[in-house]
């Protein structure tokens, strides 16, 4: 009886962790959809439809030689610039830098 209870508990725990992990990870297509939707802001009707079709079918840009994405590269640059800053000053700088 105790073995059965422990087995069920272990199974339940593994299933809940697996579901939580699956909910946290986005597929490449989901990420692409998010990016294309953001880029399509302001477009409507046929213009938006054509833009989304082209955006979603586009191949991803080749990864840079160092393997970092543009966003990772930007983060690295902004972090370097923010060296020595703390608190609100750093927050403000990072926010403005990452928006560029």
N, C-alpha and C. Protein backbone atom coordinates (compact mmCIF):
# COMPACT_ATOMS: atom_id res chain seq x y z
N UNK A 1 0.83 -1.19 0.00
CA UNK A 1 0.00 0.00 0.00
C UNK A 1 0.87 1.26 0.00
N UNK A 2 1.91 1.27 0.81
CA UNK A 2 2.79 2.43 0.91
C UNK A 2 3.56 2.64 -0.39
N UNK A 3 4.00 1.52 -1.01
CA UNK A 3 4.72 1.63 -2.28
C UNK A 3 3.82 2.24 -3.36
N UNK A 4 2.57 1.83 -3.37
CA UNK A 4 1.62 2.32 -4.36
C UNK A 4 1.41 3.83 -4.18
N UNK A 5 1.27 4.25 -2.93
CA UNK A 5 1.07 5.67 -2.63
C UNK A 5 2.29 6.48 -3.05
N UNK A 6 3.49 6.00 -2.74
CA UNK A 6 4.71 6.70 -3.13
C UNK A 6 4.86 6.76 -4.65
N UNK A 7 4.50 5.68 -5.32
CA UNK A 7 4.57 5.66 -6.78
C UNK A 7 3.62 6.68 -7.39
N UNK A 8 2.41 6.76 -6.87
CA UNK A 8 1.44 7.73 -7.36
C UNK A 8 1.90 9.16 -7.08
N UNK A 9 2.47 9.37 -5.91
CA UNK A 9 2.98 10.69 -5.56
C UNK A 9 4.11 11.08 -6.50
N UNK A 10 5.03 10.16 -6.77
CA UNK A 10 6.15 10.44 -7.67
C UNK A 10 5.65 10.72 -9.09
N UNK A 11 4.68 9.96 -9.53
CA UNK A 11 4.12 10.17 -10.86
C UNK A 11 3.45 11.54 -10.95
N UNK A 12 2.67 11.87 -9.95
CA UNK A 12 1.99 13.17 -9.94
C UNK A 12 2.98 14.32 -9.95
N UNK A 13 4.04 14.19 -9.17
CA UNK A 13 5.06 15.22 -9.10
C UNK A 13 5.76 15.38 -10.45
N UNK A 14 6.13 14.28 -11.07
CA UNK A 14 6.82 14.36 -12.36
C UNK A 14 5.92 14.95 -13.44
N UNK A 15 4.64 14.62 -13.41
CA UNK A 15 3.71 15.18 -14.39
C UNK A 15 3.53 16.68 -14.19
N UNK A 16 3.43 17.11 -12.96
CA UNK A 16 3.24 18.54 -12.71
C UNK A 16 4.49 19.33 -13.07
N UNK A 17 5.67 18.77 -12.82
CA UNK A 17 6.90 19.46 -13.20
C UNK A 17 7.04 19.51 -14.71
N UNK A 18 6.68 18.44 -15.37
CA UNK A 18 6.74 18.40 -16.83
C UNK A 18 5.80 19.41 -17.45
N UNK A 19 4.61 19.55 -16.91
CA UNK A 19 3.64 20.51 -17.42
C UNK A 19 4.12 21.94 -17.20
N UNK A 20 4.71 22.19 -16.04
CA UNK A 20 5.22 23.53 -15.74
C UNK A 20 6.36 23.88 -16.69
N UNK A 21 7.23 22.91 -16.95
CA UNK A 21 8.34 23.14 -17.86
C UNK A 21 7.84 23.40 -19.27
N UNK A 22 6.87 22.65 -19.71
CA UNK A 22 6.31 22.82 -21.05
C UNK A 22 5.66 24.19 -21.21
N UNK A 23 5.03 24.68 -20.16
CA UNK A 23 4.37 25.98 -20.22
C UNK A 23 5.40 27.11 -20.29
N UNK A 24 6.59 26.90 -19.75
CA UNK A 24 7.61 27.94 -19.73
C UNK A 24 8.40 28.03 -21.03
N UNK A 25 8.45 26.97 -21.79
CA UNK A 25 9.26 26.98 -23.00
C UNK A 25 8.41 27.32 -24.21
N UNK A 26 8.95 28.20 -25.04
CA UNK A 26 8.27 28.57 -26.27
C UNK A 26 8.97 27.89 -27.42
N UNK A 27 8.19 27.47 -28.38
CA UNK A 27 8.80 26.91 -29.57
C UNK A 27 9.33 28.06 -30.43
N UNK A 28 10.17 27.76 -31.37
CA UNK A 28 10.72 28.78 -32.26
C UNK A 28 9.59 29.47 -33.02
N UNK A 29 8.59 28.68 -33.43
CA UNK A 29 7.46 29.25 -34.17
C UNK A 29 6.65 30.22 -33.30
N UNK A 30 6.47 29.87 -32.02
CA UNK A 30 5.74 30.76 -31.12
C UNK A 30 6.50 32.07 -30.91
N UNK A 31 7.80 31.97 -30.78
CA UNK A 31 8.63 33.17 -30.63
C UNK A 31 8.55 34.04 -31.88
N UNK A 32 8.59 33.38 -33.04
CA UNK A 32 8.50 34.10 -34.30
C UNK A 32 7.15 34.80 -34.41
N UNK A 33 6.09 34.12 -33.99
CA UNK A 33 4.74 34.69 -34.04
C UNK A 33 4.66 35.94 -33.16
N UNK A 34 5.24 35.85 -31.97
CA UNK A 34 5.25 37.00 -31.05
C UNK A 34 5.97 38.18 -31.68
N UNK A 35 7.14 37.91 -32.26
CA UNK A 35 7.92 38.97 -32.88
C UNK A 35 7.19 39.58 -34.07
N UNK A 36 6.63 38.74 -34.93
CA UNK A 36 5.91 39.24 -36.11
C UNK A 36 4.68 40.06 -35.70
N UNK A 37 3.96 39.59 -34.68
CA UNK A 37 2.80 40.35 -34.20
C UNK A 37 3.21 41.73 -33.71
N UNK A 38 4.31 41.79 -32.99
CA UNK A 38 4.80 43.07 -32.48
C UNK A 38 5.18 43.98 -33.63
N UNK A 39 5.87 43.42 -34.63
CA UNK A 39 6.30 44.21 -35.78
C UNK A 39 5.14 44.66 -36.65
N UNK A 40 4.01 43.95 -36.59
CA UNK A 40 2.85 44.27 -37.41
C UNK A 40 1.95 45.32 -36.78
N UNK A 41 2.34 45.84 -35.65
CA UNK A 41 1.53 46.85 -34.97
C UNK A 41 1.24 48.02 -35.92
N UNK A 42 -0.01 48.40 -36.01
CA UNK A 42 -0.42 49.52 -36.87
C UNK A 42 -0.89 49.09 -38.25
N UNK A 43 -0.57 47.88 -38.64
CA UNK A 43 -1.01 47.38 -39.94
C UNK A 43 -2.38 46.73 -39.77
N UNK A 44 -3.24 46.87 -40.79
CA UNK A 44 -4.57 46.26 -40.71
C UNK A 44 -4.92 45.61 -42.05
N UNK A 45 -5.92 44.78 -42.01
CA UNK A 45 -6.48 44.17 -43.21
C UNK A 45 -5.47 43.39 -44.04
N UNK A 46 -5.54 43.62 -45.36
CA UNK A 46 -4.68 42.89 -46.29
C UNK A 46 -3.20 43.20 -46.08
N UNK A 47 -2.90 44.44 -45.68
CA UNK A 47 -1.50 44.81 -45.43
C UNK A 47 -0.93 43.96 -44.29
N UNK A 48 -1.70 43.82 -43.21
CA UNK A 48 -1.25 43.02 -42.06
C UNK A 48 -1.13 41.54 -42.45
N UNK A 49 -2.12 41.05 -43.18
CA UNK A 49 -2.12 39.65 -43.59
C UNK A 49 -0.89 39.33 -44.44
N UNK A 50 -0.58 40.21 -45.40
CA UNK A 50 0.59 40.01 -46.26
C UNK A 50 1.89 40.09 -45.44
N UNK A 51 1.94 41.06 -44.53
CA UNK A 51 3.13 41.20 -43.69
C UNK A 51 3.35 39.96 -42.83
N UNK A 52 2.29 39.49 -42.19
CA UNK A 52 2.41 38.31 -41.31
C UNK A 52 2.83 37.08 -42.11
N UNK A 53 2.28 36.92 -43.32
CA UNK A 53 2.64 35.77 -44.14
C UNK A 53 4.12 35.80 -44.46
N UNK A 54 4.59 36.95 -44.88
CA UNK A 54 6.01 37.09 -45.23
C UNK A 54 6.91 36.92 -44.00
N UNK A 55 6.51 37.55 -42.91
CA UNK A 55 7.30 37.50 -41.68
C UNK A 55 7.42 36.07 -41.15
N UNK A 56 6.30 35.37 -41.10
CA UNK A 56 6.30 34.02 -40.55
C UNK A 56 6.99 33.00 -41.45
N UNK A 57 7.03 33.27 -42.76
CA UNK A 57 7.68 32.32 -43.66
C UNK A 57 9.16 32.63 -43.84
N UNK A 58 9.60 33.78 -43.37
CA UNK A 58 11.01 34.16 -43.51
C UNK A 58 11.90 33.23 -42.69
N UNK A 59 13.04 32.94 -43.25
CA UNK A 59 14.02 32.12 -42.54
C UNK A 59 14.70 32.99 -41.50
N UNK A 60 15.05 32.40 -40.36
CA UNK A 60 15.74 33.20 -39.35
C UNK A 60 17.11 33.63 -39.87
N UNK A 61 17.57 34.78 -39.42
CA UNK A 61 18.88 35.27 -39.81
C UNK A 61 19.95 34.32 -39.29
N UNK A 62 21.01 34.23 -40.02
CA UNK A 62 22.10 33.36 -39.59
C UNK A 62 22.65 33.85 -38.26
N UNK A 63 22.97 32.92 -37.40
CA UNK A 63 23.51 33.28 -36.09
C UNK A 63 24.89 33.89 -36.27
N UNK A 64 25.20 34.90 -35.47
CA UNK A 64 26.53 35.50 -35.55
C UNK A 64 27.61 34.48 -35.22
N UNK A 65 28.83 34.78 -35.60
CA UNK A 65 29.94 33.85 -35.40
C UNK A 65 30.12 33.46 -33.93
N UNK A 66 29.84 34.41 -33.03
CA UNK A 66 30.01 34.09 -31.61
C UNK A 66 28.82 33.35 -31.02
N UNK A 67 27.77 33.12 -31.83
CA UNK A 67 26.62 32.35 -31.39
C UNK A 67 25.60 33.16 -30.60
N UNK A 68 25.83 34.44 -30.42
CA UNK A 68 24.90 35.26 -29.64
C UNK A 68 23.88 35.91 -30.55
N UNK A 69 22.66 36.02 -30.06
CA UNK A 69 21.62 36.69 -30.83
C UNK A 69 21.84 38.20 -30.71
N UNK A 70 21.15 38.95 -31.55
CA UNK A 70 21.27 40.41 -31.51
C UNK A 70 20.89 40.94 -30.13
N UNK A 71 19.83 40.36 -29.55
CA UNK A 71 19.38 40.80 -28.22
C UNK A 71 20.44 40.50 -27.16
N UNK A 72 21.08 39.34 -27.25
CA UNK A 72 22.13 39.01 -26.29
C UNK A 72 23.31 39.95 -26.45
N UNK A 73 23.63 40.28 -27.68
CA UNK A 73 24.74 41.19 -27.95
C UNK A 73 24.43 42.58 -27.39
N UNK A 74 23.18 43.02 -27.60
CA UNK A 74 22.76 44.33 -27.09
C UNK A 74 22.83 44.35 -25.56
N UNK A 75 22.38 43.26 -24.94
CA UNK A 75 22.42 43.16 -23.48
C UNK A 75 23.85 43.25 -22.98
N UNK A 76 24.75 42.57 -23.66
CA UNK A 76 26.16 42.59 -23.26
C UNK A 76 26.71 44.01 -23.35
N UNK A 77 26.42 44.70 -24.45
CA UNK A 77 26.90 46.06 -24.64
C UNK A 77 26.34 46.99 -23.57
N UNK A 78 25.03 46.89 -23.32
CA UNK A 78 24.40 47.75 -22.31
C UNK A 78 24.96 47.47 -20.92
N UNK A 79 25.19 46.19 -20.61
CA UNK A 79 25.78 45.84 -19.31
C UNK A 79 27.16 46.45 -19.15
N UNK A 80 27.95 46.41 -20.22
CA UNK A 80 29.29 46.99 -20.17
C UNK A 80 29.21 48.49 -19.91
N UNK A 81 28.29 49.16 -20.61
CA UNK A 81 28.13 50.61 -20.43
C UNK A 81 27.65 50.95 -19.02
N UNK A 82 26.88 50.06 -18.41
CA UNK A 82 26.30 50.33 -17.09
C UNK A 82 27.23 49.97 -15.94
N UNK A 83 28.44 49.56 -16.25
CA UNK A 83 29.38 49.17 -15.21
C UNK A 83 29.57 50.33 -14.21
N UNK A 84 29.44 50.02 -12.96
CA UNK A 84 29.60 51.02 -11.90
C UNK A 84 28.30 51.69 -11.49
N UNK A 85 27.25 51.55 -12.29
CA UNK A 85 25.95 52.14 -11.95
C UNK A 85 25.21 51.19 -11.02
N UNK A 86 24.36 51.76 -10.18
CA UNK A 86 23.57 50.94 -9.27
C UNK A 86 22.15 51.47 -9.17
N UNK A 87 21.27 50.62 -8.71
CA UNK A 87 19.90 51.02 -8.40
C UNK A 87 19.16 51.62 -9.57
N UNK A 88 18.45 52.73 -9.27
CA UNK A 88 17.60 53.37 -10.27
C UNK A 88 18.39 53.88 -11.47
N UNK A 89 19.60 54.35 -11.22
CA UNK A 89 20.44 54.85 -12.32
C UNK A 89 20.71 53.73 -13.33
N UNK A 90 21.07 52.56 -12.82
CA UNK A 90 21.35 51.41 -13.70
C UNK A 90 20.08 50.96 -14.43
N UNK A 91 18.97 50.89 -13.68
CA UNK A 91 17.69 50.48 -14.28
C UNK A 91 17.32 51.38 -15.44
N UNK A 92 17.44 52.70 -15.21
CA UNK A 92 17.08 53.68 -16.23
C UNK A 92 17.99 53.53 -17.45
N UNK A 93 19.29 53.39 -17.19
CA UNK A 93 20.23 53.25 -18.31
C UNK A 93 19.92 51.99 -19.12
N UNK A 94 19.72 50.86 -18.44
CA UNK A 94 19.46 49.59 -19.13
C UNK A 94 18.18 49.68 -19.95
N UNK A 95 17.17 50.28 -19.38
CA UNK A 95 15.89 50.40 -20.09
C UNK A 95 16.06 51.21 -21.37
N UNK A 96 16.72 52.37 -21.27
CA UNK A 96 16.91 53.21 -22.43
C UNK A 96 17.84 52.56 -23.46
N UNK A 97 18.89 51.93 -22.97
CA UNK A 97 19.85 51.30 -23.86
C UNK A 97 19.22 50.14 -24.64
N UNK A 98 18.43 49.31 -23.98
CA UNK A 98 17.84 48.15 -24.63
C UNK A 98 16.73 48.54 -25.62
N UNK A 99 16.16 49.74 -25.46
CA UNK A 99 15.13 50.20 -26.38
C UNK A 99 15.71 50.68 -27.70
N UNK A 100 16.99 51.04 -27.71
CA UNK A 100 17.64 51.56 -28.93
C UNK A 100 17.69 50.53 -30.00
